[in-house]
Amino acid sequence: MIISDIISLDRTECAVNCQSKKRIFEVISEIAVKGNPQLDLTHVLTAMLSREKMGSTGIGNGIAIPHGRIEGIEDIVAIIVTSEEPVQFDAIDDKPVDIFFALLVPSEQTQEHLQTLSSIARKLSDKEIVKAIREAASKDQIIAALA
């Protein structure tokens, strides 16, 4: 999985103003449906919140990889958001989160879903990449950090 194949400027936001976990999920859902008319806002939000109820997708170091399975899509949709201030997220290390790399995955793509999550986790374990994302002042800089 090459991450640059699933990321795009129109599904990236830099320094959004969010104070809650629920609100960040709403922002991610709004971004996801903006360029994807086949997606339904409520369905996307519900899919991610349902997955989150099973356990936090906060992987530590201020990073979360929220995700959900979506019926009717053919390709993985990635949404990248950084928040102006870190959000309490019940992450594995109990630290607030300011980098959100969300994935919407076709419901039948179990293996691809796991491979994509693994690729993203590996990429985000690189301290220089994470530092560049945190220091990004624009969507372009976030994309460049992940390329």
C-alpha atoms as a PDB file:
ATOM      1  CA  MET A   1       0.000   0.000   0.000  1.00  0.00           C
ATOM      2  CA  ILE A   2       1.409   3.343  -1.072  1.00  0.00           C
ATOM      3  CA  ILE A   3      -0.100   6.040   1.117  1.00  0.00           C
ATOM      4  CA  SER A   4       0.239   8.723  -1.554  1.00  0.00           C
ATOM      5  CA  ASP A   5      -2.281   6.717  -3.615  1.00  0.00           C
ATOM      6  CA  ILE A   6      -5.071   7.278  -1.076  1.00  0.00           C
ATOM      7  CA  ILE A   7      -4.437  10.823   0.181  1.00  0.00           C
ATOM      8  CA  SER A   8      -5.463  14.079  -1.489  1.00  0.00           C
ATOM      9  CA  LEU A   9      -5.677  17.798  -0.805  1.00  0.00           C
ATOM     10  CA  ASP A  10      -9.481  17.826  -0.941  1.00  0.00           C
ATOM     11  CA  ARG A  11      -9.627  15.317   1.935  1.00  0.00           C
ATOM     12  CA  THR A  12      -7.044  17.062   4.122  1.00  0.00           C
ATOM     13  CA  GLU A  13      -7.531  19.848   6.648  1.00  0.00           C
ATOM     14  CA  CYS A  14      -4.927  21.672   8.711  1.00  0.00           C
ATOM     15  CA  ALA A  15      -5.395  23.097  12.234  1.00  0.00           C
ATOM     16  CA  VAL A  16      -9.161  22.678  12.568  1.00  0.00           C
ATOM     17  CA  ASN A  17     -10.798  24.065  15.680  1.00  0.00           C
ATOM     18  CA  CYS A  18     -12.304  21.110  17.581  1.00  0.00           C
ATOM     19  CA  GLN A  19     -12.734  20.607  21.286  1.00  0.00           C
ATOM     20  CA  SER A  20     -14.237  17.119  21.422  1.00  0.00           C
ATOM     21  CA  LYS A  21     -13.847  13.629  20.075  1.00  0.00           C
ATOM     22  CA  LYS A  22     -17.375  13.661  18.665  1.00  0.00           C
ATOM     23  CA  ARG A  23     -16.761  16.950  16.856  1.00  0.00           C
ATOM     24  CA  ILE A  24     -13.564  15.689  15.215  1.00  0.00           C
ATOM     25  CA  PHE A  25     -15.549  12.687  13.926  1.00  0.00           C
ATOM     26  CA  GLU A  26     -18.165  15.090  12.530  1.00  0.00           C
ATOM     27  CA  VAL A  27     -15.449  17.145  10.794  1.00  0.00           C
ATOM     28  CA  ILE A  28     -13.874  14.004   9.309  1.00  0.00           C
ATOM     29  CA  SER A  29     -17.290  12.834   8.081  1.00  0.00           C
ATOM     30  CA  GLU A  30     -18.053  16.227   6.508  1.00  0.00           C
ATOM     31  CA  ILE A  31     -14.731  16.206   4.654  1.00  0.00           C
ATOM     32  CA  ALA A  32     -15.300  12.618   3.481  1.00  0.00           C
ATOM     33  CA  VAL A  33     -18.701  13.285   1.911  1.00  0.00           C
ATOM     34  CA  LYS A  34     -17.753  16.628   0.357  1.00  0.00           C
ATOM     35  CA  GLY A  35     -16.010  15.057  -2.619  1.00  0.00           C
ATOM     36  CA  ASN A  36     -17.779  11.700  -2.564  1.00  0.00           C
ATOM     37  CA  PRO A  37     -21.485  12.038  -3.454  1.00  0.00           C
ATOM     38  CA  GLN A  38     -22.003   8.287  -2.976  1.00  0.00           C
ATOM     39  CA  LEU A  39     -21.279   8.701   0.746  1.00  0.00           C
ATOM     40  CA  ASP A  40     -23.918   9.613   3.303  1.00  0.00           C
ATOM     41  CA  LEU A  41     -22.821  11.863   6.186  1.00  0.00           C
ATOM     42  CA  THR A  42     -24.820  10.018   8.831  1.00  0.00           C
ATOM     43  CA  HIS A  43     -23.665   6.618   7.601  1.00  0.00           C
ATOM     44  CA  VAL A  44     -19.994   7.653   7.640  1.00  0.00           C
ATOM     45  CA  LEU A  45     -20.257   9.178  11.109  1.00  0.00           C
ATOM     46  CA  THR A  46     -22.112   6.143  12.463  1.00  0.00           C
ATOM     47  CA  ALA A  47     -19.556   3.725  10.987  1.00  0.00           C
ATOM     48  CA  MET A  48     -16.649   5.534  12.630  1.00  0.00           C
ATOM     49  CA  LEU A  49     -18.409   6.010  15.968  1.00  0.00           C
ATOM     50  CA  SER A  50     -19.437   2.345  16.004  1.00  0.00           C
ATOM     51  CA  ARG A  51     -15.837   1.267  15.448  1.00  0.00           C
ATOM     52  CA  GLU A  52     -14.649   3.672  18.144  1.00  0.00           C
ATOM     53  CA  LYS A  53     -17.057   2.134  20.680  1.00  0.00           C
ATOM     54  CA  MET A  54     -15.141  -1.148  20.316  1.00  0.00           C
ATOM     55  CA  GLY A  55     -11.969   0.606  21.513  1.00  0.00           C
ATOM     56  CA  SER A  56     -10.106   3.816  20.912  1.00  0.00           C
ATOM     57  CA  THR A  57      -8.315   4.226  17.607  1.00  0.00           C
ATOM     58  CA  GLY A  58      -5.860   6.551  19.335  1.00  0.00           C
ATOM     59  CA  ILE A  59      -2.532   4.776  18.793  1.00  0.00           C
ATOM     60  CA  GLY A  60      -0.431   7.043  21.016  1.00  0.00           C
ATOM     61  CA  ASN A  61       1.943   9.946  20.499  1.00  0.00           C
ATOM     62  CA  GLY A  62      -0.982  12.275  19.699  1.00  0.00           C
ATOM     63  CA  ILE A  63      -2.123  10.192  16.710  1.00  0.00           C
ATOM     64  CA  ALA A  64      -5.419   8.457  15.940  1.00  0.00           C
ATOM     65  CA  ILE A  65      -6.415   6.299  12.980  1.00  0.00           C
ATOM     66  CA  PRO A  66     -10.221   6.301  13.121  1.00  0.00           C
ATOM     67  CA  HIS A  67     -11.808   4.032  10.550  1.00  0.00           C
ATOM     68  CA  GLY A  68     -15.034   2.433   9.471  1.00  0.00           C
ATOM     69  CA  ARG A  69     -16.357  -0.037   6.942  1.00  0.00           C
ATOM     70  CA  ILE A  70     -18.689   1.457   4.361  1.00  0.00           C
ATOM     71  CA  GLU A  71     -21.091  -0.405   2.075  1.00  0.00           C
ATOM     72  CA  GLY A  72     -21.130   0.727  -1.528  1.00  0.00           C
ATOM     73  CA  ILE A  73     -17.666   2.208  -1.943  1.00  0.00           C
ATOM     74  CA  GLU A  74     -15.074   0.526  -4.127  1.00  0.00           C
ATOM     75  CA  ASP A  75     -11.869   2.187  -2.951  1.00  0.00           C
ATOM     76  CA  ILE A  76     -10.405   3.241   0.376  1.00  0.00           C
ATOM     77  CA  VAL A  77     -11.053   6.876   1.238  1.00  0.00           C
ATOM     78  CA  ALA A  78      -8.461   8.573   3.474  1.00  0.00           C
ATOM     79  CA  ILE A  79      -9.098  11.803   5.373  1.00  0.00           C
ATOM     80  CA  ILE A  80      -6.291  13.605   7.195  1.00  0.00           C
ATOM     81  CA  VAL A  81      -7.010  16.268   9.786  1.00  0.00           C
ATOM     82  CA  THR A  82      -4.815  18.081  12.258  1.00  0.00           C
ATOM     83  CA  SER A  83      -6.427  19.959  15.117  1.00  0.00           C
ATOM     84  CA  GLU A  84      -5.442  23.384  16.371  1.00  0.00           C
ATOM     85  CA  GLU A  85      -5.383  22.036  19.930  1.00  0.00           C
ATOM     86  CA  PRO A  86      -5.069  18.367  20.934  1.00  0.00           C
ATOM     87  CA  VAL A  87      -8.375  16.597  21.647  1.00  0.00           C
ATOM     88  CA  GLN A  88      -8.986  14.162  24.515  1.00  0.00           C
ATOM     89  CA  PHE A  89      -9.391  10.864  22.687  1.00  0.00           C
ATOM     90  CA  ASP A  90      -8.917   7.979  25.149  1.00  0.00           C
ATOM     91  CA  ALA A  91      -5.745   7.031  23.275  1.00  0.00           C
ATOM     92  CA  ILE A  92      -3.697   4.039  24.332  1.00  0.00           C
ATOM     93  CA  ASP A  93      -1.189   6.332  26.099  1.00  0.00           C
ATOM     94  CA  ASP A  94      -3.934   8.612  27.540  1.00  0.00           C
ATOM     95  CA  LYS A  95      -2.457  11.605  25.710  1.00  0.00           C
ATOM     96  CA  PRO A  96      -4.648  13.960  23.668  1.00  0.00           C
ATOM     97  CA  VAL A  97      -4.612  13.653  19.874  1.00  0.00           C
ATOM     98  CA  ASP A  98      -3.886  16.283  17.227  1.00  0.00           C
ATOM     99  CA  ILE A  99      -3.246  14.121  14.133  1.00  0.00           C
ATOM    100  CA  PHE A 100      -6.171  12.143  12.715  1.00  0.00           C
ATOM    101  CA  PHE A 101      -5.653   9.821   9.743  1.00  0.00           C
ATOM    102  CA  ALA A 102      -9.139   8.472   9.065  1.00  0.00           C
ATOM    103  CA  LEU A 103     -10.025   5.634   6.699  1.00  0.00           C
ATOM    104  CA  LEU A 104     -13.271   4.587   5.112  1.00  0.00           C
ATOM    105  CA  VAL A 105     -12.912   1.082   3.747  1.00  0.00           C
ATOM    106  CA  PRO A 106     -15.177  -0.961   1.465  1.00  0.00           C
ATOM    107  CA  SER A 107     -16.962  -3.434   3.725  1.00  0.00           C
ATOM    108  CA  GLU A 108     -15.698  -6.476   1.811  1.00  0.00           C
ATOM    109  CA  GLN A 109     -12.000  -5.476   1.811  1.00  0.00           C
ATOM    110  CA  THR A 110     -10.873  -7.029   5.083  1.00  0.00           C
ATOM    111  CA  GLN A 111      -7.294  -7.869   4.081  1.00  0.00           C
ATOM    112  CA  GLU A 112      -6.702  -4.558   2.301  1.00  0.00           C
ATOM    113  CA  HIS A 113      -8.092  -2.735   5.332  1.00  0.00           C
ATOM    114  CA  LEU A 114      -5.586  -4.390   7.665  1.00  0.00           C
ATOM    115  CA  GLN A 115      -2.693  -3.794   5.260  1.00  0.00           C
ATOM    116  CA  THR A 116      -3.626  -0.124   4.917  1.00  0.00           C
ATOM    117  CA  LEU A 117      -3.871   0.359   8.683  1.00  0.00           C
ATOM    118  CA  SER A 118      -0.469  -1.273   9.068  1.00  0.00           C
ATOM    119  CA  SER A 119       1.100   0.935   6.374  1.00  0.00           C
ATOM    120  CA  ILE A 120      -0.275   4.088   7.960  1.00  0.00           C
ATOM    121  CA  ALA A 121       0.858   3.066  11.447  1.00  0.00           C
ATOM    122  CA  ARG A 122       4.367   2.401  10.097  1.00  0.00           C
ATOM    123  CA  LYS A 123       4.469   5.767   8.318  1.00  0.00           C
ATOM    124  CA  LEU A 124       3.248   7.579  11.442  1.00  0.00           C
ATOM    125  CA  SER A 125       5.839   5.861  13.629  1.00  0.00           C
ATOM    126  CA  ASP A 126       8.495   7.966  11.865  1.00  0.00           C
ATOM    127  CA  LYS A 127       9.197  10.878  14.227  1.00  0.00           C
ATOM    128  CA  GLU A 128      10.337  13.159  11.407  1.00  0.00           C
ATOM    129  CA  ILE A 129       7.095  12.641   9.465  1.00  0.00           C
ATOM    130  CA  VAL A 130       4.988  13.277  12.560  1.00  0.00           C
ATOM    131  CA  LYS A 131       7.019  16.395  13.364  1.00  0.00           C
ATOM    132  CA  ALA A 132       6.518  17.688   9.801  1.00  0.00           C
ATOM    133  CA  ILE A 133       2.761  17.064  10.007  1.00  0.00           C
ATOM    134  CA  ARG A 134       2.539  18.889  13.351  1.00  0.00           C
ATOM    135  CA  GLU A 135       4.526  21.825  11.993  1.00  0.00           C
ATOM    136  CA  ALA A 136       2.499  22.007   8.769  1.00  0.00           C
ATOM    137  CA  ALA A 137       0.786  25.326   8.189  1.00  0.00           C
ATOM    138  CA  SER A 138      -1.155  24.133   5.138  1.00  0.00           C
ATOM    139  CA  LYS A 139      -2.794  21.093   3.587  1.00  0.00           C
ATOM    140  CA  ASP A 140       0.005  20.982   1.009  1.00  0.00           C
ATOM    141  CA  GLN A 141       2.596  20.628   3.741  1.00  0.00           C
ATOM    142  CA  ILE A 142       0.680  17.770   5.374  1.00  0.00           C
ATOM    143  CA  ILE A 143       0.492  15.926   2.051  1.00  0.00           C
ATOM    144  CA  ALA A 144       4.182  16.592   1.376  1.00  0.00           C
ATOM    145  CA  ALA A 145       5.107  15.172   4.799  1.00  0.00           C
ATOM    146  CA  LEU A 146       3.275  11.932   3.996  1.00  0.00           C
ATOM    147  CA  ALA A 147       4.518  11.589   0.397  1.00  0.00           C
END
